[in-house]
Amino acid sequence: MTSEDTQALPRQRKIIHCDCDCFYAAIEMRDDPALVGKPLAVGGASERRGVVATCNYEARRFGIHSAMPTATALRRCPDLIVVPPRMEIYRGVSRQVQRIFADYTPLIEPLSLDEAYLDVSATQAFRGSATLIAQDIRRRVRETLGITLSAGIAPNKFLAKIASDWEKPDGQFVIRPEQIDAFVLQLPVKKLFGVGKVTAARLHTMGVQTCADLREFSEESLLAQFGSFGTRLFQLSRGIDDREVKVERQRKSLSVENTFAHDLADLPACIERLHELHAQMLERWQPLQTRYQVGGTFVKLKFDNFVSTTAEQSADSCELGLFPALMEQAWARHQRPVRLIGVGVRLRPRDERAADQLALPLDADSAP
């Protein structure tokens, strides 16, 4: 192979997925050492139908997890300490973590306050070693911020995200290019990006438990079974993921929700709550107005029987007067007491060129 041939070869990507360990809970333990070693959850109060936002590893031993109702968590662990979230504090720490990332690469794709993808393919730090870069990031987060971070290193985003969960907490795991095939073959299909409970159950009925099993099916047969997601399954079962790290993700919507301590009995009671929810939404909308414009409005209701419905319409503003009619439309579908109301807007970028950015893949089970 000539030097010209070598230069023509595409550069192997080096992706790091960084994921802070039990982020909210870790900050609470950092700020109050008396909480260390005790089962701890950050979330809403049980008497207000709160849910767990996150919990520490001591709590997870009792089977507690995020999105679990706080009342259920307390039944599983009566000694559980539940503290309310301090979002401004968490956002501040998240910004500090992001600044550490930026010392190594400008190619950062945040997924949430506590995790992000980093493309370090062209980074010169540590002679381009993604393993050493991840180690240094973890050291700096631990020493300067007092929390821990786990990292996964791989040639693509799919594998890097799986790898970051392999040695949690406060660890890292590397999947090298030559290790991809052996690693993916033994991987349970429920670990594949986009495979939720419904898709996993369908695969299991087909006798598919691992990616090795999945590889027994042709791309055509998977297309017949799962539509376009079949191609994704075919690729992921072979460790293929060509998605680039996107520096800025395009938002599709903005919303706020509230679960009420007592069910709202009727439509007037629901409409009465609109003003407060709308004000909260406007507060979140303010910093986004320079980059996005409103393309629609919607109201989501969850009834006392846990059935949800959403009513929406096209709109170019998010003024309060647009929401009562949507509330009436949504409530009329079931006409039952309401436990949760959400209000929101659909967004589109002001710079239409941004619309060409690759949309984030949906969980196949939630896709229309």
Protein backbone atom coordinates (compact mmCIF):
# COMPACT_ATOMS: atom_id res chain seq x y z
CA MET A 1 0.00 0.00 0.00
CA THR A 2 1.39 3.40 -1.00
CA SER A 3 1.46 6.51 1.19
CA GLU A 4 -1.22 7.99 -1.07
CA ASP A 5 -3.44 4.96 -0.43
CA THR A 6 -2.88 5.33 3.30
CA GLN A 7 -3.86 8.99 3.21
CA ALA A 8 -7.04 8.09 1.31
CA LEU A 9 -8.23 5.71 4.01
CA PRO A 10 -10.93 7.18 6.30
CA ARG A 11 -9.67 7.93 9.78
CA GLN A 12 -10.92 5.59 12.48
CA ARG A 13 -13.26 7.46 14.79
CA LYS A 14 -12.50 7.63 18.49
CA ILE A 15 -15.67 8.30 20.47
CA ILE A 16 -15.91 8.73 24.23
CA HIS A 17 -19.27 8.55 25.96
CA CYS A 18 -19.05 10.28 29.34
CA ASP A 19 -21.77 9.63 31.91
CA CYS A 20 -21.73 11.09 35.42
CA ASP A 21 -22.58 8.52 38.09
CA CYS A 22 -25.99 9.11 39.80
CA PHE A 23 -25.45 12.80 38.99
CA TYR A 24 -28.07 14.57 41.13
CA ALA A 25 -27.55 12.22 44.07
CA ALA A 26 -23.76 12.53 43.76
CA ILE A 27 -23.99 16.32 44.07
CA GLU A 28 -26.27 16.03 47.10
CA MET A 29 -23.80 13.66 48.80
CA ARG A 30 -20.92 15.94 47.91
CA ASP A 31 -22.67 18.93 49.46
CA ASP A 32 -23.91 17.02 52.51
CA PRO A 33 -21.42 14.30 53.52
CA ALA A 34 -23.90 13.02 56.13
CA LEU A 35 -25.82 11.45 53.21
CA VAL A 36 -22.87 9.32 52.06
CA GLY A 37 -23.43 5.60 52.50
CA LYS A 38 -27.18 5.96 53.05
CA PRO A 39 -29.91 5.12 50.51
CA LEU A 40 -30.72 8.44 48.85
CA ALA A 41 -33.12 9.55 46.13
CA VAL A 42 -33.62 12.92 44.51
CA GLY A 43 -37.23 13.51 43.56
CA GLY A 44 -40.68 14.67 44.51
CA ALA A 45 -42.43 14.01 47.80
CA SER A 46 -44.58 10.87 47.99
CA GLU A 47 -47.62 12.77 49.28
CA ARG A 48 -47.51 14.88 46.09
CA ARG A 49 -47.24 11.87 43.80
CA GLY A 50 -43.59 12.63 43.19
CA VAL A 51 -41.24 10.40 41.26
CA VAL A 52 -37.57 9.54 41.67
CA ALA A 53 -35.32 11.58 39.37
CA THR A 54 -32.24 9.58 40.33
CA CYS A 55 -30.86 7.66 43.28
CA ASN A 56 -27.51 6.52 44.60
CA TYR A 57 -26.16 2.99 44.42
CA GLU A 58 -27.18 2.20 48.00
CA ALA A 59 -30.80 2.86 46.99
CA ARG A 60 -30.47 0.86 43.78
CA ARG A 61 -29.76 -2.27 45.82
CA PHE A 62 -33.43 -2.14 46.85
CA GLY A 63 -34.57 -2.07 43.22
CA ILE A 64 -35.20 1.67 43.20
CA HIS A 65 -34.69 3.45 39.88
CA SER A 66 -35.44 6.71 38.11
CA ALA A 67 -39.08 7.42 37.16
CA MET A 68 -40.30 5.16 39.99
CA PRO A 69 -43.05 6.75 42.12
CA THR A 70 -41.54 7.98 45.37
CA ALA A 71 -44.23 6.15 47.33
CA THR A 72 -43.16 2.85 45.74
CA ALA A 73 -39.51 3.60 46.46
CA LEU A 74 -40.30 4.23 50.13
CA ARG A 75 -42.18 0.95 50.37
CA ARG A 76 -39.13 -0.86 49.02
CA CYS A 77 -36.78 1.01 51.34
CA PRO A 78 -38.44 2.67 54.35
CA ASP A 79 -35.10 4.22 55.33
CA LEU A 80 -34.75 5.95 51.96
CA ILE A 81 -33.83 9.63 52.25
CA VAL A 82 -35.66 11.72 49.64
CA VAL A 83 -34.42 15.22 48.90
CA PRO A 84 -35.97 17.72 46.47
CA PRO A 85 -34.04 18.49 43.29
CA ARG A 86 -31.90 21.65 43.05
CA MET A 87 -31.87 22.10 39.31
CA GLU A 88 -29.88 25.33 39.24
CA ILE A 89 -27.08 23.68 41.20
CA TYR A 90 -27.10 20.66 38.87
CA ARG A 91 -27.03 22.88 35.78
CA GLY A 92 -24.06 24.78 37.19
CA VAL A 93 -22.09 21.58 37.78
CA SER A 94 -23.07 20.38 34.30
CA ARG A 95 -21.59 23.53 32.79
CA GLN A 96 -18.35 22.90 34.71
CA VAL A 97 -18.19 19.34 33.37
CA GLN A 98 -18.79 20.63 29.83
CA ARG A 99 -15.92 23.09 30.19
CA ILE A 100 -13.61 20.20 31.10
CA PHE A 101 -14.75 18.32 27.98
CA ALA A 102 -14.03 21.39 25.86
CA ASP A 103 -10.36 21.30 26.85
CA TYR A 104 -9.98 18.13 24.77
CA THR A 105 -12.26 18.58 21.75
CA PRO A 106 -14.82 21.00 20.29
CA LEU A 107 -16.86 18.04 19.05
CA ILE A 108 -19.20 17.55 22.00
CA GLU A 109 -22.79 16.32 21.79
CA PRO A 110 -24.59 16.74 25.13
CA LEU A 111 -27.38 14.23 25.69
CA SER A 112 -28.51 15.61 29.04
CA LEU A 113 -27.04 17.46 32.01
CA ASP A 114 -24.92 14.47 32.98
CA GLU A 115 -23.82 12.76 29.77
CA ALA A 116 -22.28 13.57 26.41
CA TYR A 117 -20.48 12.11 23.41
CA LEU A 118 -16.98 13.40 22.60
CA ASP A 119 -15.27 12.85 19.25
CA VAL A 120 -11.53 12.88 19.99
CA SER A 121 -10.44 11.43 16.63
CA ALA A 122 -8.33 14.49 15.79
CA THR A 123 -7.30 15.42 19.32
CA GLN A 124 -3.57 15.76 19.94
CA ALA A 125 -3.74 15.50 23.73
CA PHE A 126 -2.05 12.39 25.12
CA ARG A 127 -0.80 11.66 21.59
CA GLY A 128 -4.36 11.02 20.50
CA SER A 129 -5.03 8.23 23.01
CA ALA A 130 -8.77 8.21 23.72
CA THR A 131 -8.14 5.90 26.69
CA LEU A 132 -5.75 8.38 28.34
CA ILE A 133 -8.03 11.33 27.52
CA ALA A 134 -10.96 9.57 29.23
CA GLN A 135 -8.79 8.81 32.26
CA ASP A 136 -7.77 12.46 32.54
CA ILE A 137 -11.34 13.71 32.18
CA ARG A 138 -12.45 11.37 34.95
CA ARG A 139 -9.56 12.48 37.19
CA ARG A 140 -10.35 16.17 36.72
CA VAL A 141 -14.08 15.73 37.33
CA ARG A 142 -13.36 13.76 40.49
CA GLU A 143 -10.69 16.14 41.84
CA THR A 144 -12.23 19.49 40.91
CA LEU A 145 -15.98 18.81 41.16
CA GLY A 146 -16.14 16.09 43.80
CA ILE A 147 -18.25 13.67 41.75
CA THR A 148 -17.41 10.68 39.58
CA LEU A 149 -17.85 9.99 35.89
CA SER A 150 -17.73 6.76 33.90
CA ALA A 151 -16.54 6.59 30.31
CA GLY A 152 -16.89 4.28 27.35
CA ILE A 153 -14.40 4.39 24.47
CA ALA A 154 -15.21 2.87 21.08
CA PRO A 155 -15.11 3.55 17.33
CA ASN A 156 -18.79 4.63 17.29
CA LYS A 157 -21.52 6.15 19.44
CA PHE A 158 -23.56 2.99 19.86
CA LEU A 159 -20.68 0.99 21.32
CA ALA A 160 -19.27 3.89 23.36
CA LYS A 161 -22.59 4.33 25.17
CA ILE A 162 -22.78 0.64 26.00
CA ALA A 163 -19.15 0.66 27.14
CA SER A 164 -19.69 3.56 29.57
CA ASP A 165 -22.11 1.39 31.54
CA TRP A 166 -19.75 -1.60 31.67
CA GLU A 167 -17.55 -0.53 34.61
CA LYS A 168 -19.86 1.82 36.54
CA PRO A 169 -19.40 3.60 38.84
CA ASP A 170 -16.17 5.57 38.39
CA GLY A 171 -14.73 3.35 35.69
CA GLN A 172 -14.13 3.10 31.98
CA PHE A 173 -14.23 0.41 29.34
CA VAL A 174 -12.61 0.29 25.90
CA ILE A 175 -13.89 -1.53 22.82
CA ARG A 176 -11.13 -1.53 20.20
CA PRO A 177 -11.89 -1.97 16.48
CA GLU A 178 -10.55 -5.51 16.45
CA GLN A 179 -12.74 -6.40 19.47
CA ILE A 180 -16.06 -5.22 18.02
CA ASP A 181 -17.22 -8.50 16.51
CA ALA A 182 -16.55 -10.64 19.57
CA PHE A 183 -18.08 -8.03 21.87
CA VAL A 184 -21.27 -7.54 19.86
CA LEU A 185 -21.91 -11.25 19.27
CA GLN A 186 -22.55 -11.90 22.96
CA LEU A 187 -24.53 -8.67 23.50
CA PRO A 188 -28.20 -9.11 24.54
CA VAL A 189 -30.52 -7.56 21.96
CA LYS A 190 -32.20 -5.49 24.67
CA LYS A 191 -28.95 -3.49 24.81
CA LEU A 192 -29.31 -2.35 21.20
CA PHE A 193 -30.01 1.33 20.64
CA GLY A 194 -33.75 1.79 20.06
CA VAL A 195 -34.82 -1.63 21.35
CA GLY A 196 -37.37 -1.12 24.10
CA LYS A 197 -39.55 -3.65 25.91
CA VAL A 198 -41.98 -4.18 23.04
CA THR A 199 -39.31 -4.78 20.39
CA ALA A 200 -37.29 -6.96 22.77
CA ALA A 201 -40.36 -9.10 23.43
CA ARG A 202 -40.98 -9.50 19.67
CA LEU A 203 -37.36 -10.52 19.15
CA HIS A 204 -37.53 -13.02 21.99
CA THR A 205 -40.60 -14.67 20.41
CA MET A 206 -38.43 -15.08 17.30
CA GLY A 207 -35.84 -16.92 19.39
CA VAL A 208 -33.49 -13.94 19.40
CA GLN A 209 -31.72 -13.28 22.69
CA THR A 210 -28.30 -12.04 21.54
CA CYS A 211 -26.82 -10.32 18.53
CA ALA A 212 -25.43 -13.69 17.47
CA ASP A 213 -29.02 -14.92 17.22
CA LEU A 214 -30.05 -11.77 15.37
CA ARG A 215 -27.37 -12.28 12.75
CA GLU A 216 -29.15 -15.45 11.66
CA PHE A 217 -31.78 -13.23 10.01
CA SER A 218 -31.21 -11.47 6.70
CA GLU A 219 -31.73 -7.74 6.33
CA GLU A 220 -34.74 -8.46 4.11
CA SER A 221 -36.44 -10.61 6.74
CA LEU A 222 -35.83 -8.01 9.44
CA LEU A 223 -37.27 -5.32 7.15
CA ALA A 224 -40.37 -7.47 6.72
CA GLN A 225 -40.71 -7.88 10.49
CA PHE A 226 -39.78 -4.40 11.72
CA GLY A 227 -40.03 -2.03 8.76
CA SER A 228 -37.18 0.44 8.35
CA PHE A 229 -35.97 -0.32 11.88
CA GLY A 230 -35.03 -3.76 10.57
CA THR A 231 -32.06 -2.24 8.74
CA ARG A 232 -30.96 -0.61 11.98
CA LEU A 233 -31.15 -3.94 13.79
CA PHE A 234 -29.14 -5.58 11.02
CA GLN A 235 -26.41 -2.94 11.34
CA LEU A 236 -26.26 -2.74 15.13
CA SER A 237 -26.00 -6.52 15.47
CA ARG A 238 -22.76 -6.14 13.52
CA GLY A 239 -21.52 -3.15 15.52
CA ILE A 240 -22.17 -0.70 12.66
CA ASP A 241 -23.13 2.88 13.57
CA ASP A 242 -22.13 5.74 11.27
CA ARG A 243 -23.77 8.58 13.21
CA GLU A 244 -21.50 11.56 13.73
CA VAL A 245 -21.14 13.46 16.98
CA LYS A 246 -23.46 16.45 16.53
CA VAL A 247 -22.26 19.58 18.28
CA GLU A 248 -25.77 21.04 18.57
CA ARG A 249 -28.86 18.88 18.72
CA GLN A 250 -32.02 20.25 17.22
CA ARG A 251 -34.90 20.58 19.66
CA LYS A 252 -38.31 19.50 18.44
CA SER A 253 -40.45 20.63 21.36
CA LEU A 254 -40.54 22.30 24.76
CA SER A 255 -43.01 21.46 27.51
CA VAL A 256 -43.69 21.53 31.24
CA GLU A 257 -45.76 19.03 33.20
CA ASN A 258 -47.26 18.85 36.67
CA THR A 259 -48.62 15.83 38.51
CA PHE A 260 -51.13 17.02 41.09
CA ALA A 261 -51.38 15.88 44.69
CA HIS A 262 -55.14 15.45 44.19
CA ASP A 263 -56.92 14.68 40.95
CA LEU A 264 -58.57 17.62 39.20
CA ALA A 265 -62.24 16.77 39.07
CA ASP A 266 -63.41 18.52 35.92
CA LEU A 267 -62.55 20.72 32.95
CA PRO A 268 -62.83 24.09 34.79
CA ALA A 269 -60.37 22.83 37.42
CA CYS A 270 -57.94 21.89 34.66
CA ILE A 271 -58.27 25.23 32.87
CA GLU A 272 -57.65 27.01 36.16
CA ARG A 273 -54.16 25.45 36.26
CA LEU A 274 -53.19 26.65 32.81
CA HIS A 275 -51.89 30.06 33.86
CA GLU A 276 -49.29 28.65 36.24
CA LEU A 277 -48.08 26.01 33.76
CA HIS A 278 -47.97 28.52 30.92
CA ALA A 279 -45.82 30.86 33.02
CA GLN A 280 -43.36 28.04 33.72
CA MET A 281 -43.20 27.20 30.03
CA LEU A 282 -42.55 30.83 29.06
CA GLU A 283 -39.63 30.95 31.50
CA ARG A 284 -38.03 27.98 29.73
CA TRP A 285 -38.90 29.39 26.30
CA GLN A 286 -37.12 32.73 26.79
CA PRO A 287 -33.50 31.56 26.18
CA LEU A 288 -34.54 29.58 23.09
CA GLN A 289 -36.29 32.35 21.16
CA THR A 290 -33.21 33.47 19.26
CA ARG A 291 -32.71 29.99 17.73
CA TYR A 292 -36.25 28.61 17.41
CA GLN A 293 -39.74 29.69 16.48
CA VAL A 294 -43.07 28.19 17.46
CA GLY A 295 -44.64 25.76 15.00
CA GLY A 296 -47.49 24.46 17.16
CA THR A 297 -48.96 24.19 20.65
CA PHE A 298 -50.19 21.17 22.60
CA VAL A 299 -51.80 20.05 25.83
CA LYS A 300 -51.23 16.63 27.38
CA LEU A 301 -53.53 15.10 29.98
CA LYS A 302 -53.11 11.95 32.05
CA PHE A 303 -56.34 10.79 33.67
CA ASP A 304 -56.91 8.99 36.96
CA ASN A 305 -56.89 5.65 35.11
CA PHE A 306 -53.36 6.51 33.78
CA VAL A 307 -54.59 6.86 30.19
CA SER A 308 -52.90 9.78 28.41
CA THR A 309 -53.96 11.91 25.48
CA THR A 310 -52.51 14.92 23.64
CA ALA A 311 -54.34 17.63 21.69
CA GLU A 312 -52.33 19.93 19.45
CA GLN A 313 -52.63 22.49 16.69
CA SER A 314 -50.43 24.51 14.36
CA ALA A 315 -49.55 27.94 15.72
CA ASP A 316 -46.90 30.62 15.32
CA SER A 317 -47.03 31.84 18.93
CA CYS A 318 -47.46 30.36 22.39
CA GLU A 319 -49.83 32.91 23.96
CA LEU A 320 -52.00 31.70 26.81
CA GLY A 321 -55.24 32.10 24.85
CA LEU A 322 -54.34 29.19 22.57
CA PHE A 323 -54.41 26.56 25.29
CA PRO A 324 -57.96 26.46 26.80
CA ALA A 325 -59.49 25.10 23.57
CA LEU A 326 -56.81 22.39 23.43
CA MET A 327 -57.51 21.56 27.06
CA GLU A 328 -61.22 21.21 26.30
CA GLN A 329 -60.50 18.99 23.30
CA ALA A 330 -58.20 16.69 25.27
CA TRP A 331 -60.48 16.46 28.31
CA ALA A 332 -63.56 15.65 26.19
CA ARG A 333 -61.96 12.41 24.99
CA HIS A 334 -62.33 10.72 28.38
CA GLN A 335 -64.10 13.19 30.74
CA ARG A 336 -62.48 11.80 33.87
CA PRO A 337 -60.51 13.29 36.77
CA VAL A 338 -57.03 14.40 35.72
CA ARG A 339 -53.78 13.60 37.57
CA LEU A 340 -51.28 15.29 35.20
CA ILE A 341 -51.31 18.27 32.84
CA GLY A 342 -48.58 19.16 30.38
CA VAL A 343 -48.45 22.19 28.10
CA GLY A 344 -45.91 22.79 25.37
CA VAL A 345 -44.90 24.00 21.96
CA ARG A 346 -43.51 22.36 18.83
CA LEU A 347 -40.35 24.07 17.63
CA ARG A 348 -38.62 24.69 14.34
CA PRO A 349 -35.22 26.35 13.83
CA ARG A 350 -35.13 30.00 12.79
CA ASP A 351 -32.20 29.13 10.56
CA GLU A 352 -33.80 26.62 8.22
CA ARG A 353 -30.38 25.21 7.39
CA ALA A 354 -30.31 23.76 10.89
CA ALA A 355 -33.31 21.63 9.94
CA ASP A 356 -30.99 19.53 7.81
CA GLN A 357 -29.24 18.24 10.93
CA LEU A 358 -29.68 14.53 11.54
CA ALA A 359 -32.65 13.95 13.83
CA LEU A 360 -32.09 11.83 16.90
CA PRO A 361 -33.32 8.25 16.40
CA LEU A 362 -36.49 7.34 18.28
CA ASP A 363 -36.97 4.29 20.44
CA ALA A 364 -38.51 1.90 17.94
CA ASP A 365 -41.30 1.13 20.40
CA SER A 366 -42.39 4.77 20.54
CA ALA A 367 -42.12 5.50 16.83
CA PRO A 368 -45.40 6.11 15.04
